Each structure stands twice: as structure tokens, then as C-alpha cells.
Amino acid sequence: MPTFMSEGYEIAFSIYGEGPTVLLVHGFASNGKVNWVETNWVDELVEAGYRVVTIDNRGHGKSEKIYDTAAYPSSEMAKDSINLIDYLGVKQVAIMGYSMGARISAYVAMSAPEKVACAVFGGLGERMTVGMSNSTTIVDALLAPSLEEVKDRTGRTFRIFAEHTKSDLKALAACMGSSRQKISKEDVSKIEVPVLVAVGSEDDVGGRPEPLAELMDRGESLVIEGRDHMRATGDKQFKEGVLDFFSRVYPAG
């Protein structure tokens, strides 16, 4: 994977296809390959006529691992996506993030609105403005000597996924310790670009999409029926909804 330097950290990314650029920002404990390639998002967007860029967020995938929690607020992680847009030499992108990636994408839209044509916040609805209450439990699960010692259900879910993606558990623990700050409703309401908020109907982690979408003048919501936080990522309803949204606000040709 190619890399570039962002805020002093080595960040990995991949590029697929040709056309208007879509930047994909993965969720916690995932990476560009797991979140977007293995779920066939990249193939479908390329087929639809887009150039797709996936980024491995700092501490994840092939990017540099950092063990200082100060490096991981979402507002700081968003700088890597903004710097990548500049590094690629494109004026604007459509940005789509899932879960943690949705929070990062929101900060990109707020911090560098001139670089964002539209955005998709996947897997994170009303909880974006609430923040996380169980981050300590997840950190403890990630730092436990083994999965067998993790008894908390949520903690086990994150530990299992982190091991599946072969992630650096200590880097993830540092990330979880600081990156989930809430975004105020007032700040969200200032996002002026078109935004699609898409969350599974059974997603207790992300919360309902409608309350978040309603905060924005150009916000839209999509309920991914029958899917929870983990199973909505590659769902057909999600893909069809995003492609329809892009066709209206960010057409490929």
C-alpha cells in the first residue's frame, strides 16, 4: 500500500478506479480492506464510475501504530483524511465513513467544508451527538490477557473483531480511550453539504438516523432494515441507498 506523512504519522491508503473521488473512512478496529474491499463496496463504486480511495486510519491497518491517547480524538484523526485529499491533489471528494469513520467524516465536513462535496455517515446516527458511555469496558477488553478473560458482551464483541482484523490491541485501546468525543447538535447543524445518514434498524450502537439527519438542512436518513451495527456494513440496502444519493448529489458522469 502507498503511504504518505500526515501530522508526523505514516498513513496508508489505496486507490481504485477512475472518476470523481470517493474517500472511504473505516470504523474502529477495522481497516480499508476489511471495511470496504471485502464488503464489495469498492467494486460497486468503481463499477458505478467513481475513483475510490480507502484510508487506514492512524493506529489501524497498515498505518503507523501510536500508543498515546492524545493522538486519537476524532478531530485529530480527521486531519489525516483532510491531508490525504490535499496529497492526492483533488479539490473535492464525497466522503463516506462507517461508525468511528462517520464521526471522523463529520469532522472533515466541519473543518474543511470546501473539500467535501457530500457525505455519508454510516452506522452512526443520533449517538454522534451523545458520545460513548462504555469505552472503558471496551478498553479493558482490548487489554485483557486473552479473550477468555473478557466477560462483558460488548467488550467481547470488540475484542473478537479486533483479533479477526489482526489489529494492534494496544493501539486500539489508546484510540478507544480518546476518539469518541461527542459532537454538539449545533456543530452538526452547521454542516451545509448534502449528507446521508444510514443506520441499521437493529443498531443499538449508532442509534436512529433520523434525529441526526434532521439537524442538517440537507440531511437525509436511511434505515437499513433488519441489520445491526456489525451486519449493516455491506448490506444491499445500504449500497443501493448510497448509490442513489450519489446519483443525485455527486453523479459519476
Protein backbone atom coordinates (compact mmCIF):
# COMPACT_ATOMS: atom_id res chain seq x y z
CA MET A 1 0.00 0.00 0.00
CA PRO A 2 1.24 3.52 -0.71
CA THR A 3 1.75 5.79 2.29
CA PHE A 4 2.15 9.48 3.00
CA MET A 5 3.09 11.54 6.05
CA SER A 6 0.27 13.27 7.91
CA GLU A 7 0.81 15.24 11.13
CA GLY A 8 4.05 13.32 11.62
CA TYR A 9 2.46 9.86 11.18
CA GLU A 10 2.77 7.41 8.28
CA ILE A 11 -0.70 6.81 6.84
CA ALA A 12 -1.56 4.06 4.34
CA PHE A 13 -4.14 4.31 1.59
CA SER A 14 -5.26 2.59 -1.61
CA ILE A 15 -6.77 3.87 -4.87
CA TYR A 16 -9.15 2.03 -7.18
CA GLY A 17 -10.82 3.02 -10.47
CA GLU A 18 -11.30 6.34 -12.25
CA GLY A 19 -13.82 9.15 -11.94
CA PRO A 20 -14.99 11.54 -9.23
CA THR A 21 -13.25 10.67 -5.96
CA VAL A 22 -15.00 8.93 -3.07
CA LEU A 23 -12.98 8.73 0.14
CA LEU A 24 -13.93 5.82 2.40
CA VAL A 25 -13.15 6.02 6.12
CA HIS A 26 -13.41 2.76 8.06
CA GLY A 27 -14.67 2.06 11.55
CA PHE A 28 -12.90 1.22 14.79
CA ALA A 29 -10.69 -1.91 14.77
CA SER A 30 -11.21 -2.28 11.03
CA ASN A 31 -9.18 -1.09 8.03
CA GLY A 32 -9.78 -0.14 4.42
CA LYS A 33 -9.59 -3.71 3.16
CA VAL A 34 -11.95 -5.25 5.72
CA ASN A 35 -14.48 -2.41 5.82
CA TRP A 36 -14.67 -1.55 2.14
CA VAL A 37 -12.97 -4.12 -0.11
CA GLU A 38 -14.19 -7.35 1.48
CA THR A 39 -17.76 -5.98 1.65
CA ASN A 40 -17.65 -5.24 -2.12
CA TRP A 41 -18.15 -1.51 -1.61
CA VAL A 42 -15.05 -0.71 -3.67
CA ASP A 43 -16.13 -2.90 -6.58
CA GLU A 44 -19.62 -1.43 -6.69
CA LEU A 45 -18.45 2.18 -6.52
CA VAL A 46 -15.80 1.61 -9.19
CA GLU A 47 -18.41 -0.05 -11.40
CA ALA A 48 -20.65 2.98 -10.89
CA GLY A 49 -17.91 5.22 -12.27
CA TYR A 50 -16.06 6.52 -9.22
CA ARG A 51 -12.42 6.64 -8.20
CA VAL A 52 -12.35 5.10 -4.73
CA VAL A 53 -9.75 5.92 -2.09
CA THR A 54 -9.58 3.95 1.14
CA ILE A 55 -7.57 5.17 4.10
CA ASP A 56 -6.23 3.16 7.01
CA ASN A 57 -6.80 5.45 9.99
CA ARG A 58 -3.86 6.07 12.29
CA GLY A 59 -3.37 3.11 14.62
CA HIS A 60 -5.20 0.79 12.21
CA GLY A 61 -4.37 -1.47 9.29
CA LYS A 62 -1.07 -0.64 7.62
CA SER A 63 -0.84 2.85 9.10
CA GLU A 64 1.51 3.79 11.91
CA LYS A 65 0.60 2.48 15.36
CA ILE A 66 0.51 5.08 18.11
CA TYR A 67 0.08 4.37 21.82
CA ASP A 68 -0.64 7.89 23.05
CA THR A 69 -4.33 8.65 23.56
CA ALA A 70 -3.66 12.30 22.67
CA ALA A 71 -3.25 11.23 19.03
CA TYR A 72 -6.74 9.80 18.72
CA PRO A 73 -9.55 12.33 19.19
CA SER A 74 -11.71 12.13 16.07
CA SER A 75 -10.97 15.78 15.34
CA GLU A 76 -7.27 14.88 15.16
CA MET A 77 -7.82 11.72 13.12
CA ALA A 78 -9.85 13.77 10.63
CA LYS A 79 -6.70 15.70 9.78
CA ASP A 80 -5.31 12.57 8.10
CA SER A 81 -8.27 12.41 5.71
CA ILE A 82 -8.03 16.14 5.01
CA ASN A 83 -4.29 15.84 4.37
CA LEU A 84 -4.86 12.85 2.08
CA ILE A 85 -7.30 14.87 -0.03
CA ASP A 86 -4.59 17.52 -0.41
CA TYR A 87 -1.91 14.90 -1.06
CA LEU A 88 -3.99 13.43 -3.89
CA GLY A 89 -4.39 16.87 -5.42
CA VAL A 90 -8.18 16.78 -5.70
CA LYS A 91 -10.36 19.79 -4.91
CA GLN A 92 -13.39 17.92 -3.56
CA VAL A 93 -14.44 14.41 -2.61
CA ALA A 94 -17.50 12.58 -1.47
CA ILE A 95 -16.60 11.19 1.93
CA MET A 96 -18.23 8.12 3.47
CA GLY A 97 -17.43 6.82 6.91
CA TYR A 98 -18.76 3.97 8.99
CA SER A 99 -19.14 4.19 12.79
CA MET A 100 -15.91 5.83 14.01
CA GLY A 101 -15.33 6.70 10.37
CA ALA A 102 -18.65 8.55 10.29
CA ARG A 103 -17.57 10.67 13.24
CA ILE A 104 -14.24 11.37 11.53
CA SER A 105 -16.10 12.24 8.31
CA ALA A 106 -18.28 14.70 10.21
CA TYR A 107 -15.18 16.48 11.48
CA VAL A 108 -13.80 16.60 7.93
CA ALA A 109 -17.06 18.17 6.74
CA MET A 110 -16.95 20.70 9.57
CA SER A 111 -13.23 21.50 9.40
CA ALA A 112 -12.74 21.55 5.63
CA PRO A 113 -16.17 22.06 4.02
CA GLU A 114 -14.60 23.34 0.81
CA LYS A 115 -13.08 19.88 0.25
CA VAL A 116 -16.33 17.92 0.72
CA ALA A 117 -19.00 17.68 -1.98
CA CYS A 118 -21.25 15.42 0.09
CA ALA A 119 -21.01 12.91 2.92
CA VAL A 120 -22.41 9.61 4.12
CA PHE A 121 -22.48 8.84 7.83
CA GLY A 122 -22.96 5.08 8.12
CA GLY A 123 -23.57 3.19 11.36
CA LEU A 124 -23.80 6.35 13.46
CA GLY A 125 -27.00 8.33 13.91
CA GLU A 126 -28.27 10.16 16.96
CA ARG A 127 -25.40 8.77 19.07
CA MET A 128 -22.99 11.04 17.21
CA THR A 129 -24.16 13.89 19.44
CA VAL A 130 -24.22 11.78 22.61
CA GLY A 131 -20.84 10.06 22.65
CA MET A 132 -20.00 6.63 24.03
CA SER A 133 -20.58 5.55 27.61
CA ASN A 134 -18.92 2.13 27.53
CA SER A 135 -15.48 2.99 26.17
CA THR A 136 -13.76 1.95 29.42
CA THR A 137 -15.29 -1.52 29.15
CA ILE A 138 -14.01 -1.84 25.59
CA VAL A 139 -10.53 -0.64 26.55
CA ASP A 140 -10.41 -3.23 29.35
CA ALA A 141 -11.46 -5.94 26.89
CA LEU A 142 -8.77 -4.97 24.41
CA LEU A 143 -6.07 -5.00 27.07
CA ALA A 144 -7.15 -8.26 28.72
CA PRO A 145 -4.52 -11.04 28.55
CA SER A 146 -6.88 -13.20 26.48
CA LEU A 147 -10.41 -13.27 25.04
CA GLU A 148 -11.37 -15.93 27.59
CA GLU A 149 -10.94 -13.38 30.36
CA VAL A 150 -13.37 -10.90 28.79
CA LYS A 151 -16.85 -11.45 30.23
CA ASP A 152 -18.64 -8.26 29.13
CA ARG A 153 -20.71 -8.87 25.99
CA THR A 154 -19.85 -5.58 24.28
CA GLY A 155 -16.22 -5.93 25.23
CA ARG A 156 -16.09 -9.45 23.80
CA THR A 157 -17.64 -8.28 20.53
CA PHE A 158 -14.97 -5.63 20.03
CA ARG A 159 -12.14 -7.95 21.14
CA ILE A 160 -13.26 -10.69 18.75
CA PHE A 161 -13.46 -8.23 15.85
CA ALA A 162 -10.07 -6.72 16.68
CA GLU A 163 -8.48 -10.15 16.70
CA HIS A 164 -10.24 -11.02 13.44
CA THR A 165 -8.71 -7.97 11.76
CA LYS A 166 -5.30 -8.75 13.31
CA SER A 167 -5.19 -5.30 14.84
CA ASP A 168 -2.69 -3.92 17.32
CA LEU A 169 -4.73 -4.20 20.54
CA LYS A 170 -2.69 -1.64 22.48
CA ALA A 171 -3.03 0.94 19.71
CA LEU A 172 -6.78 0.31 19.58
CA ALA A 173 -7.04 0.71 23.34
CA ALA A 174 -5.34 4.10 23.07
CA CYS A 175 -7.70 5.05 20.26
CA MET A 176 -10.82 3.98 22.15
CA GLY A 177 -9.62 5.91 25.16
CA SER A 178 -9.96 9.27 23.43
CA SER A 179 -11.55 9.28 19.99
CA ARG A 180 -15.25 9.09 20.82
CA GLN A 181 -15.96 12.63 21.94
CA LYS A 182 -19.45 13.79 21.09
CA ILE A 183 -20.19 16.45 18.51
CA SER A 184 -22.67 19.12 19.54
CA LYS A 185 -26.00 19.38 17.77
CA GLU A 186 -25.16 22.98 16.99
CA ASP A 187 -21.96 21.95 15.19
CA VAL A 188 -23.77 19.26 13.21
CA SER A 189 -26.41 21.77 12.15
CA LYS A 190 -23.69 23.87 10.52
CA ILE A 191 -22.82 21.13 8.01
CA GLU A 192 -24.13 22.54 4.73
CA VAL A 193 -23.26 19.80 2.22
CA PRO A 194 -25.72 17.01 1.40
CA VAL A 195 -25.44 14.23 3.99
CA LEU A 196 -26.99 10.76 4.05
CA VAL A 197 -27.23 9.17 7.50
CA ALA A 198 -27.64 5.39 7.18
CA VAL A 199 -28.04 3.12 10.21
CA GLY A 200 -29.39 -0.39 10.72
CA SER A 201 -32.84 -0.74 12.25
CA GLU A 202 -31.37 -3.00 14.97
CA ASP A 203 -28.29 -0.87 15.61
CA ASP A 204 -28.15 -0.01 19.32
CA VAL A 205 -24.63 1.37 18.95
CA GLY A 206 -25.33 4.05 16.36
CA GLY A 207 -28.89 4.98 17.28
CA ARG A 208 -31.61 6.16 14.92
CA PRO A 209 -30.53 8.00 11.74
CA GLU A 210 -33.49 10.40 11.55
CA PRO A 211 -32.67 12.66 14.54
CA LEU A 212 -29.15 13.30 13.22
CA ALA A 213 -30.27 13.89 9.63
CA GLU A 214 -32.93 16.33 10.79
CA LEU A 215 -30.27 18.57 12.35
CA MET A 216 -28.87 19.38 8.90
CA ASP A 217 -30.56 21.46 6.21
CA ARG A 218 -29.57 18.94 3.52
CA GLY A 219 -29.63 15.82 5.66
CA GLU A 220 -31.35 12.60 4.58
CA SER A 221 -31.87 9.39 6.51
CA LEU A 222 -31.83 5.73 5.53
CA VAL A 223 -32.89 2.88 7.80
CA ILE A 224 -31.13 -0.36 6.85
CA GLU A 225 -33.89 -2.78 7.76
CA GLY A 226 -33.09 -5.88 9.80
CA ARG A 227 -29.42 -5.05 10.36
CA ASP A 228 -27.44 -4.32 13.50
CA HIS A 229 -24.18 -2.39 13.80
CA MET A 230 -21.91 -5.19 12.62
CA ARG A 231 -24.11 -6.59 9.84
CA ALA A 232 -25.19 -3.37 8.13
CA THR A 233 -21.79 -2.51 6.68
CA GLY A 234 -22.05 -4.42 3.41
CA ASP A 235 -25.84 -4.64 3.19
CA LYS A 236 -27.50 -4.30 -0.23
CA GLN A 237 -29.98 -1.71 1.07
CA PHE A 238 -27.10 0.44 2.27
CA LYS A 239 -25.30 0.26 -1.07
CA GLU A 240 -28.42 0.99 -3.10
CA GLY A 241 -29.25 3.96 -0.88
CA VAL A 242 -25.76 5.42 -1.19
CA LEU A 243 -25.61 4.95 -4.96
CA ASP A 244 -29.00 6.65 -5.32
CA PHE A 245 -27.79 9.50 -3.09
CA PHE A 246 -24.57 9.92 -5.10
CA SER A 247 -26.51 9.84 -8.39
CA ARG A 248 -28.46 12.89 -7.21
CA VAL A 249 -25.79 14.96 -5.46
CA TYR A 250 -22.44 13.65 -6.80
CA PRO A 251 -23.02 11.96 -10.19
CA ALA A 252 -20.20 9.97 -11.74
CA GLY A 253 -20.77 11.13 -15.28
